[in-house]
Amino acid sequence: METTKRARALGVAAGVLGVALAFAGTASARPTDGPDTPIGGPGTGRILPPTPDEDTMFSIPDWIGNGGAVTASVTESLPITVVVGCRGGGSAQVHVGGQAPADFTVQCPADAVGVGSVEIPARPGRDFQFTVRPSDPSIHWGINALQVRPAPPTD
């Protein structure tokens, strides 16, 4: 029964990410730490404001509990900015895995949205794993991963 719940949650997560990433490369949702780590589920709101489609690698608007994503085929010449927002009391540990790993913590106020971010410099090896582990399974969080393209020259 527990395996069925995990499979169902993973399927929902993959669907949410699939829609968000249709134009941004390859991504899939997956458990954050292994088969014994409980997987959260999608919320119904939006934690962070939307970002321009052309700059967004992926966005998870609202997730409750543990979660993450994997993405590949991003532009090697551009840095990646990862923004995580959360609410519900407590904190969220964020890990970006890859050739330039980064970890940060976001404080999640009970009645507001706390925001944290990190910039990953441009470099080869552009496959990343993003995981978010809130201190409480009821914390809502959202993530935007961006590659801001330079503005075209004007004449």
N, C-alpha and C. Protein backbone atom coordinates (compact mmCIF):
# COMPACT_ATOMS: atom_id res chain seq x y z
N MET A 1 0.81 -1.18 0.00
CA MET A 1 0.00 0.00 0.00
C MET A 1 0.86 1.26 0.00
N GLU A 2 1.91 1.30 0.85
CA GLU A 2 2.81 2.45 0.90
C GLU A 2 3.49 2.66 -0.45
N THR A 3 3.89 1.58 -1.13
CA THR A 3 4.51 1.68 -2.44
C THR A 3 3.54 2.31 -3.43
N THR A 4 2.24 1.95 -3.35
CA THR A 4 1.24 2.51 -4.25
C THR A 4 1.10 4.01 -4.01
N LYS A 5 1.09 4.44 -2.74
CA LYS A 5 1.01 5.87 -2.44
C LYS A 5 2.20 6.62 -3.00
N ARG A 6 3.39 6.04 -2.84
CA ARG A 6 4.59 6.69 -3.38
C ARG A 6 4.52 6.78 -4.90
N ALA A 7 4.12 5.70 -5.54
CA ALA A 7 4.03 5.69 -7.00
C ALA A 7 3.01 6.73 -7.47
N ARG A 8 1.89 6.83 -6.78
CA ARG A 8 0.87 7.81 -7.14
C ARG A 8 1.40 9.22 -6.96
N ALA A 9 2.05 9.49 -5.82
CA ALA A 9 2.61 10.83 -5.57
C ALA A 9 3.68 11.17 -6.60
N LEU A 10 4.52 10.20 -6.95
CA LEU A 10 5.56 10.43 -7.93
C LEU A 10 4.95 10.71 -9.30
N GLY A 11 3.87 10.01 -9.63
CA GLY A 11 3.19 10.25 -10.90
C GLY A 11 2.61 11.65 -10.97
N VAL A 12 1.99 12.11 -9.88
CA VAL A 12 1.45 13.46 -9.84
C VAL A 12 2.57 14.48 -9.98
N ALA A 13 3.66 14.26 -9.25
CA ALA A 13 4.80 15.19 -9.32
C ALA A 13 5.36 15.25 -10.73
N ALA A 14 5.50 14.11 -11.37
CA ALA A 14 6.02 14.08 -12.73
C ALA A 14 5.10 14.84 -13.68
N GLY A 15 3.79 14.71 -13.47
CA GLY A 15 2.83 15.43 -14.30
C GLY A 15 2.94 16.93 -14.12
N VAL A 16 3.04 17.38 -12.87
CA VAL A 16 3.19 18.81 -12.58
C VAL A 16 4.45 19.34 -13.24
N LEU A 17 5.56 18.63 -13.08
CA LEU A 17 6.82 19.09 -13.67
C LEU A 17 6.80 18.99 -15.19
N GLY A 18 6.17 17.96 -15.71
CA GLY A 18 6.12 17.80 -17.16
C GLY A 18 5.46 18.98 -17.84
N VAL A 19 4.35 19.45 -17.28
CA VAL A 19 3.67 20.61 -17.83
C VAL A 19 4.54 21.84 -17.73
N ALA A 20 5.17 22.04 -16.57
CA ALA A 20 5.99 23.23 -16.35
C ALA A 20 7.23 23.25 -17.23
N LEU A 21 7.71 22.07 -17.63
CA LEU A 21 8.97 22.00 -18.35
C LEU A 21 8.85 21.68 -19.83
N ALA A 22 7.67 21.75 -20.35
CA ALA A 22 7.47 21.36 -21.74
C ALA A 22 8.40 22.10 -22.70
N PHE A 23 8.73 23.35 -22.40
CA PHE A 23 9.58 24.13 -23.29
C PHE A 23 11.00 24.33 -22.76
N ALA A 24 11.33 23.72 -21.63
CA ALA A 24 12.57 24.08 -20.97
C ALA A 24 13.62 22.98 -20.92
N GLY A 25 13.41 21.85 -21.52
CA GLY A 25 14.40 20.78 -21.43
C GLY A 25 13.79 19.54 -20.83
N THR A 26 14.59 18.74 -20.20
CA THR A 26 14.15 17.48 -19.64
C THR A 26 14.10 17.58 -18.13
N ALA A 27 13.03 17.07 -17.54
CA ALA A 27 12.95 17.04 -16.08
C ALA A 27 12.06 15.91 -15.65
N SER A 28 12.25 15.46 -14.45
CA SER A 28 11.36 14.47 -13.86
C SER A 28 11.38 14.63 -12.36
N ALA A 29 10.27 14.28 -11.72
CA ALA A 29 10.22 14.32 -10.27
C ALA A 29 10.72 12.98 -9.75
N ARG A 30 11.29 12.97 -8.55
CA ARG A 30 11.79 11.74 -7.97
C ARG A 30 11.87 11.88 -6.46
N PRO A 31 11.92 10.79 -5.75
CA PRO A 31 12.07 10.90 -4.30
C PRO A 31 13.35 11.66 -3.96
N THR A 32 13.36 12.32 -2.81
CA THR A 32 14.49 13.17 -2.48
C THR A 32 15.70 12.40 -1.97
N ASP A 33 15.51 11.36 -1.18
CA ASP A 33 16.67 10.69 -0.58
C ASP A 33 16.67 9.17 -0.70
N GLY A 34 15.65 8.58 -1.20
CA GLY A 34 15.63 7.14 -1.30
C GLY A 34 14.26 6.58 -1.01
N PRO A 35 14.14 5.27 -1.01
CA PRO A 35 12.83 4.64 -0.92
C PRO A 35 12.12 4.84 0.42
N ASP A 36 12.85 5.17 1.49
CA ASP A 36 12.21 5.35 2.79
C ASP A 36 11.87 6.80 3.11
N THR A 37 12.21 7.72 2.22
CA THR A 37 11.91 9.13 2.43
C THR A 37 10.50 9.40 1.94
N PRO A 38 9.63 9.92 2.82
CA PRO A 38 8.26 10.22 2.35
C PRO A 38 8.27 11.34 1.33
N ILE A 39 7.46 11.18 0.31
CA ILE A 39 7.33 12.17 -0.75
C ILE A 39 6.11 13.02 -0.45
N GLY A 40 6.23 14.32 -0.61
CA GLY A 40 5.09 15.21 -0.41
C GLY A 40 4.14 15.14 -1.59
N GLY A 41 3.35 16.17 -1.74
CA GLY A 41 2.39 16.23 -2.84
C GLY A 41 2.13 17.65 -3.25
N PRO A 42 1.48 17.82 -4.40
CA PRO A 42 1.24 19.17 -4.90
C PRO A 42 0.23 19.93 -4.05
N GLY A 43 0.48 21.23 -3.89
CA GLY A 43 -0.49 22.11 -3.27
C GLY A 43 -1.39 22.69 -4.35
N THR A 44 -2.23 23.61 -3.98
CA THR A 44 -3.18 24.17 -4.94
C THR A 44 -2.95 25.65 -5.22
N GLY A 45 -1.92 26.23 -4.65
CA GLY A 45 -1.68 27.66 -4.82
C GLY A 45 -0.41 27.96 -5.58
N ARG A 46 0.13 29.13 -5.32
CA ARG A 46 1.39 29.57 -5.91
C ARG A 46 2.17 30.29 -4.82
N ILE A 47 3.36 29.78 -4.51
CA ILE A 47 4.17 30.34 -3.44
C ILE A 47 5.00 31.53 -3.95
N LEU A 48 5.61 31.38 -5.12
CA LEU A 48 6.43 32.45 -5.71
C LEU A 48 5.69 33.06 -6.89
N PRO A 49 5.96 34.32 -7.21
CA PRO A 49 5.34 34.90 -8.41
C PRO A 49 5.85 34.18 -9.67
N PRO A 50 5.04 34.17 -10.72
CA PRO A 50 5.49 33.54 -11.96
C PRO A 50 6.69 34.27 -12.54
N THR A 51 7.47 33.56 -13.34
CA THR A 51 8.65 34.13 -13.99
C THR A 51 8.45 34.10 -15.50
N PRO A 52 9.21 34.91 -16.23
CA PRO A 52 9.07 34.91 -17.70
C PRO A 52 9.36 33.53 -18.27
N ASP A 53 8.49 33.06 -19.15
CA ASP A 53 8.64 31.72 -19.73
C ASP A 53 10.00 31.50 -20.38
N GLU A 54 10.51 32.53 -21.06
CA GLU A 54 11.77 32.35 -21.79
C GLU A 54 12.96 32.16 -20.85
N ASP A 55 12.83 32.57 -19.59
CA ASP A 55 13.92 32.44 -18.63
C ASP A 55 13.77 31.23 -17.71
N THR A 56 12.61 30.61 -17.68
CA THR A 56 12.30 29.56 -16.72
C THR A 56 12.74 28.19 -17.22
N MET A 57 13.66 27.56 -16.47
CA MET A 57 14.00 26.17 -16.74
C MET A 57 12.86 25.28 -16.26
N PHE A 58 12.43 25.52 -15.03
CA PHE A 58 11.24 24.86 -14.50
C PHE A 58 10.73 25.63 -13.30
N SER A 59 9.48 25.37 -12.97
CA SER A 59 8.84 26.00 -11.82
C SER A 59 7.90 24.99 -11.19
N ILE A 60 7.96 24.88 -9.88
CA ILE A 60 6.97 24.11 -9.12
C ILE A 60 6.22 25.15 -8.30
N PRO A 61 4.96 25.43 -8.63
CA PRO A 61 4.27 26.54 -7.98
C PRO A 61 3.97 26.32 -6.50
N ASP A 62 3.59 25.11 -6.10
CA ASP A 62 3.23 24.85 -4.71
C ASP A 62 3.38 23.36 -4.45
N TRP A 63 4.24 23.01 -3.51
CA TRP A 63 4.45 21.62 -3.12
C TRP A 63 4.42 21.55 -1.61
N ILE A 64 3.91 20.47 -1.07
CA ILE A 64 3.80 20.31 0.38
C ILE A 64 4.66 19.12 0.79
N GLY A 65 5.62 19.34 1.70
CA GLY A 65 6.49 18.27 2.17
C GLY A 65 7.71 18.08 1.28
N ASN A 66 8.38 16.93 1.43
CA ASN A 66 9.61 16.64 0.67
C ASN A 66 9.32 16.56 -0.82
N GLY A 67 10.29 17.01 -1.62
CA GLY A 67 10.14 16.91 -3.06
C GLY A 67 11.41 17.33 -3.77
N GLY A 68 11.35 17.26 -5.08
CA GLY A 68 12.50 17.66 -5.86
C GLY A 68 12.27 17.44 -7.34
N ALA A 69 13.29 17.70 -8.11
CA ALA A 69 13.23 17.55 -9.56
C ALA A 69 14.62 17.28 -10.09
N VAL A 70 14.66 16.74 -11.29
CA VAL A 70 15.92 16.52 -12.00
C VAL A 70 15.76 17.18 -13.36
N THR A 71 16.77 17.91 -13.79
CA THR A 71 16.71 18.54 -15.10
C THR A 71 18.04 18.37 -15.82
N ALA A 72 17.98 18.39 -17.12
CA ALA A 72 19.18 18.22 -17.95
C ALA A 72 19.05 19.11 -19.19
N SER A 73 20.09 19.13 -19.97
CA SER A 73 20.09 19.84 -21.25
C SER A 73 19.85 21.33 -21.10
N VAL A 74 20.47 21.93 -20.11
CA VAL A 74 20.36 23.37 -19.96
C VAL A 74 21.52 24.05 -20.67
N THR A 75 21.43 25.34 -20.87
CA THR A 75 22.46 26.08 -21.59
C THR A 75 23.71 26.22 -20.72
N GLU A 76 24.81 25.65 -21.18
CA GLU A 76 26.06 25.65 -20.39
C GLU A 76 26.67 27.03 -20.22
N SER A 77 26.36 27.96 -21.11
CA SER A 77 27.00 29.27 -21.06
C SER A 77 26.27 30.28 -20.17
N LEU A 78 25.16 29.88 -19.57
CA LEU A 78 24.41 30.79 -18.71
C LEU A 78 24.39 30.29 -17.27
N PRO A 79 24.46 31.20 -16.30
CA PRO A 79 24.31 30.77 -14.91
C PRO A 79 22.86 30.36 -14.64
N ILE A 80 22.67 29.64 -13.55
CA ILE A 80 21.33 29.22 -13.13
C ILE A 80 21.04 29.90 -11.79
N THR A 81 19.89 30.51 -11.70
CA THR A 81 19.43 31.07 -10.44
C THR A 81 18.30 30.20 -9.92
N VAL A 82 18.45 29.72 -8.68
CA VAL A 82 17.44 28.89 -8.04
C VAL A 82 16.82 29.71 -6.92
N VAL A 83 15.50 29.88 -6.99
CA VAL A 83 14.76 30.65 -5.98
C VAL A 83 13.74 29.72 -5.34
N VAL A 84 13.76 29.64 -4.00
CA VAL A 84 12.80 28.83 -3.27
C VAL A 84 12.07 29.73 -2.29
N GLY A 85 10.76 29.62 -2.26
CA GLY A 85 9.94 30.32 -1.29
C GLY A 85 9.15 29.30 -0.49
N CYS A 86 8.86 29.60 0.78
CA CYS A 86 8.11 28.66 1.60
C CYS A 86 7.32 29.39 2.67
N ARG A 87 6.28 28.72 3.19
CA ARG A 87 5.48 29.27 4.28
C ARG A 87 4.94 28.11 5.10
N GLY A 88 4.61 28.41 6.33
CA GLY A 88 4.01 27.40 7.18
C GLY A 88 4.68 27.21 8.52
N GLY A 89 5.75 27.95 8.80
CA GLY A 89 6.48 27.81 10.06
C GLY A 89 7.57 26.78 9.94
N GLY A 90 8.77 27.11 10.33
CA GLY A 90 9.91 26.19 10.23
C GLY A 90 10.91 26.66 9.19
N SER A 91 11.50 25.70 8.49
CA SER A 91 12.50 26.02 7.48
C SER A 91 12.50 24.95 6.40
N ALA A 92 13.20 25.24 5.31
CA ALA A 92 13.35 24.27 4.21
C ALA A 92 14.83 24.20 3.84
N GLN A 93 15.38 23.00 3.83
CA GLN A 93 16.75 22.76 3.38
C GLN A 93 16.70 22.51 1.87
N VAL A 94 17.51 23.23 1.13
CA VAL A 94 17.54 23.12 -0.33
C VAL A 94 18.91 22.61 -0.75
N HIS A 95 18.91 21.62 -1.63
CA HIS A 95 20.17 21.10 -2.17
C HIS A 95 20.06 21.10 -3.69
N VAL A 96 21.07 21.67 -4.33
CA VAL A 96 21.20 21.62 -5.78
C VAL A 96 22.42 20.76 -6.05
N GLY A 97 22.21 19.59 -6.62
CA GLY A 97 23.31 18.68 -6.92
C GLY A 97 23.75 18.82 -8.36
N GLY A 98 24.99 18.55 -8.62
CA GLY A 98 25.57 18.66 -9.95
C GLY A 98 27.05 18.96 -9.79
N GLN A 99 27.70 19.40 -10.86
CA GLN A 99 29.12 19.71 -10.78
C GLN A 99 29.42 20.94 -9.95
N ALA A 100 28.40 21.77 -9.72
CA ALA A 100 28.56 22.95 -8.86
C ALA A 100 27.49 22.88 -7.78
N PRO A 101 27.60 21.94 -6.83
CA PRO A 101 26.53 21.78 -5.84
C PRO A 101 26.40 23.00 -4.94
N ALA A 102 25.19 23.20 -4.45
CA ALA A 102 24.91 24.31 -3.55
C ALA A 102 23.86 23.88 -2.54
N ASP A 103 23.99 24.35 -1.32
CA ASP A 103 23.02 24.09 -0.26
C ASP A 103 22.67 25.41 0.40
N PHE A 104 21.40 25.59 0.72
CA PHE A 104 21.00 26.75 1.48
C PHE A 104 19.71 26.43 2.23
N THR A 105 19.42 27.26 3.23
CA THR A 105 18.24 27.09 4.06
C THR A 105 17.35 28.30 3.91
N VAL A 106 16.05 28.07 3.81
CA VAL A 106 15.08 29.16 3.72
C VAL A 106 14.21 29.09 4.98
N GLN A 107 14.06 30.21 5.66
CA GLN A 107 13.15 30.29 6.80
C GLN A 107 11.73 30.47 6.28
N CYS A 108 10.80 29.70 6.83
CA CYS A 108 9.42 29.67 6.35
C CYS A 108 8.49 30.25 7.42
N PRO A 109 8.19 31.54 7.35
CA PRO A 109 7.29 32.13 8.34
C PRO A 109 5.91 31.46 8.31
N ALA A 110 5.20 31.53 9.41
CA ALA A 110 3.88 30.89 9.49
C ALA A 110 2.86 31.58 8.59
N ASP A 111 2.88 32.92 8.51
CA ASP A 111 1.83 33.65 7.79
C ASP A 111 2.35 34.50 6.64
N ALA A 112 3.53 34.21 6.15
CA ALA A 112 4.11 34.96 5.04
C ALA A 112 5.00 34.00 4.25
N VAL A 113 5.59 34.49 3.19
CA VAL A 113 6.49 33.67 2.38
C VAL A 113 7.93 34.11 2.64
N GLY A 114 8.78 33.17 3.04
CA GLY A 114 10.21 33.41 3.14
C GLY A 114 10.87 33.00 1.84
N VAL A 115 11.89 33.72 1.41
CA VAL A 115 12.51 33.44 0.11
C VAL A 115 14.03 33.36 0.28
N GLY A 116 14.64 32.41 -0.40
CA GLY A 116 16.08 32.28 -0.47
C GLY A 116 16.49 31.91 -1.88
N SER A 117 17.72 32.19 -2.24
CA SER A 117 18.16 31.88 -3.60
C SER A 117 19.66 31.64 -3.64
N VAL A 118 20.09 31.05 -4.74
CA VAL A 118 21.51 30.83 -5.00
C VAL A 118 21.71 30.92 -6.50
N GLU A 119 22.90 31.41 -6.91
CA GLU A 119 23.25 31.42 -8.33
C GLU A 119 24.36 30.42 -8.55
N ILE A 120 24.15 29.54 -9.52
CA ILE A 120 25.15 28.55 -9.92
C ILE A 120 25.85 29.10 -11.15
N PRO A 121 27.18 29.29 -11.11
CA PRO A 121 27.89 29.87 -12.25
C PRO A 121 27.77 29.00 -13.51
N ALA A 122 27.91 29.64 -14.65
CA ALA A 122 27.91 28.92 -15.92
C ALA A 122 29.13 28.01 -15.97
N ARG A 123 28.92 26.77 -16.36
CA ARG A 123 30.02 25.81 -16.51
C ARG A 123 29.49 24.55 -17.18
N PRO A 124 30.39 23.73 -17.75
CA PRO A 124 29.95 22.48 -18.35
C PRO A 124 29.36 21.54 -17.30
N GLY A 125 28.61 20.56 -17.77
CA GLY A 125 28.00 19.59 -16.88
C GLY A 125 26.70 20.15 -16.33
N ARG A 126 25.70 20.22 -17.15
CA ARG A 126 24.49 20.96 -16.80
C ARG A 126 23.31 20.05 -16.42
N ASP A 127 23.57 18.91 -15.80
CA ASP A 127 22.52 18.06 -15.26
C ASP A 127 22.42 18.33 -13.77
N PHE A 128 21.24 18.61 -13.27
CA PHE A 128 21.08 19.01 -11.88
C PHE A 128 19.97 18.22 -11.20
N GLN A 129 20.15 18.00 -9.91
CA GLN A 129 19.10 17.46 -9.05
C GLN A 129 18.78 18.53 -8.02
N PHE A 130 17.51 18.83 -7.86
CA PHE A 130 17.04 19.82 -6.91
C PHE A 130 16.21 19.10 -5.86
N THR A 131 16.56 19.25 -4.58
CA THR A 131 15.75 18.66 -3.52
C THR A 131 15.41 19.72 -2.48
N VAL A 132 14.22 19.61 -1.93
CA VAL A 132 13.76 20.49 -0.87
C VAL A 132 13.21 19.60 0.24
N ARG A 133 13.75 19.79 1.46
CA ARG A 133 13.32 19.03 2.63
C ARG A 133 12.87 20.01 3.71
N PRO A 134 11.57 20.20 3.85
CA PRO A 134 11.08 21.09 4.90
C PRO A 134 11.22 20.45 6.28
N SER A 135 11.30 21.30 7.30
CA SER A 135 11.42 20.81 8.67
C SER A 135 10.13 20.19 9.17
N ASP A 136 9.02 20.48 8.50
CA ASP A 136 7.72 19.90 8.86
C ASP A 136 7.01 19.48 7.57
N PRO A 137 6.36 18.32 7.54
CA PRO A 137 5.74 17.85 6.29
C PRO A 137 4.55 18.69 5.82
N SER A 138 4.09 19.65 6.64
CA SER A 138 2.96 20.49 6.21
C SER A 138 3.40 21.80 5.57
N ILE A 139 4.70 22.06 5.50
CA ILE A 139 5.21 23.31 4.91
C ILE A 139 5.01 23.30 3.40
N HIS A 140 4.48 24.41 2.89
CA HIS A 140 4.32 24.61 1.45
C HIS A 140 5.56 25.32 0.92
N TRP A 141 6.02 24.90 -0.25
CA TRP A 141 7.15 25.58 -0.88
C TRP A 141 6.96 25.61 -2.39
N GLY A 142 7.66 26.54 -3.02
CA GLY A 142 7.70 26.64 -4.48
C GLY A 142 9.13 26.90 -4.90
N ILE A 143 9.44 26.52 -6.13
CA ILE A 143 10.80 26.72 -6.65
C ILE A 143 10.72 27.20 -8.09
N ASN A 144 11.60 28.15 -8.41
CA ASN A 144 11.81 28.59 -9.79
C ASN A 144 13.29 28.43 -10.09
N ALA A 145 13.60 27.75 -11.17
CA ALA A 145 14.98 27.64 -11.65
C ALA A 145 15.05 28.40 -12.96
N LEU A 146 15.94 29.38 -13.02
CA LEU A 146 15.97 30.31 -14.14
C LEU A 146 17.34 30.36 -14.80
N GLN A 147 17.33 30.56 -16.09
CA GLN A 147 18.51 30.93 -16.86
C GLN A 147 18.14 32.17 -17.63
N VAL A 148 18.56 33.32 -17.13
CA VAL A 148 18.18 34.59 -17.74
C VAL A 148 19.05 34.84 -18.96
N ARG A 149 18.40 34.92 -20.08
CA ARG A 149 19.12 35.17 -21.33
C ARG A 149 19.40 36.66 -21.47
N PRO A 150 20.56 37.03 -22.02
CA PRO A 150 20.84 38.45 -22.20
C PRO A 150 19.85 39.09 -23.17
N ALA A 151 19.55 40.34 -22.94
CA ALA A 151 18.66 41.06 -23.85
C ALA A 151 19.32 41.20 -25.21
N PRO A 152 18.53 41.09 -26.27
CA PRO A 152 19.12 41.26 -27.60
C PRO A 152 19.61 42.69 -27.79
N PRO A 153 20.64 42.87 -28.57
CA PRO A 153 21.15 44.23 -28.81
C PRO A 153 20.11 45.10 -29.51
N THR A 154 20.08 46.35 -29.17
CA THR A 154 19.17 47.28 -29.84
C THR A 154 19.98 48.20 -30.73
N ASP A 155 19.40 48.57 -31.80
CA ASP A 155 20.07 49.46 -32.75
C ASP A 155 19.60 50.86 -32.62
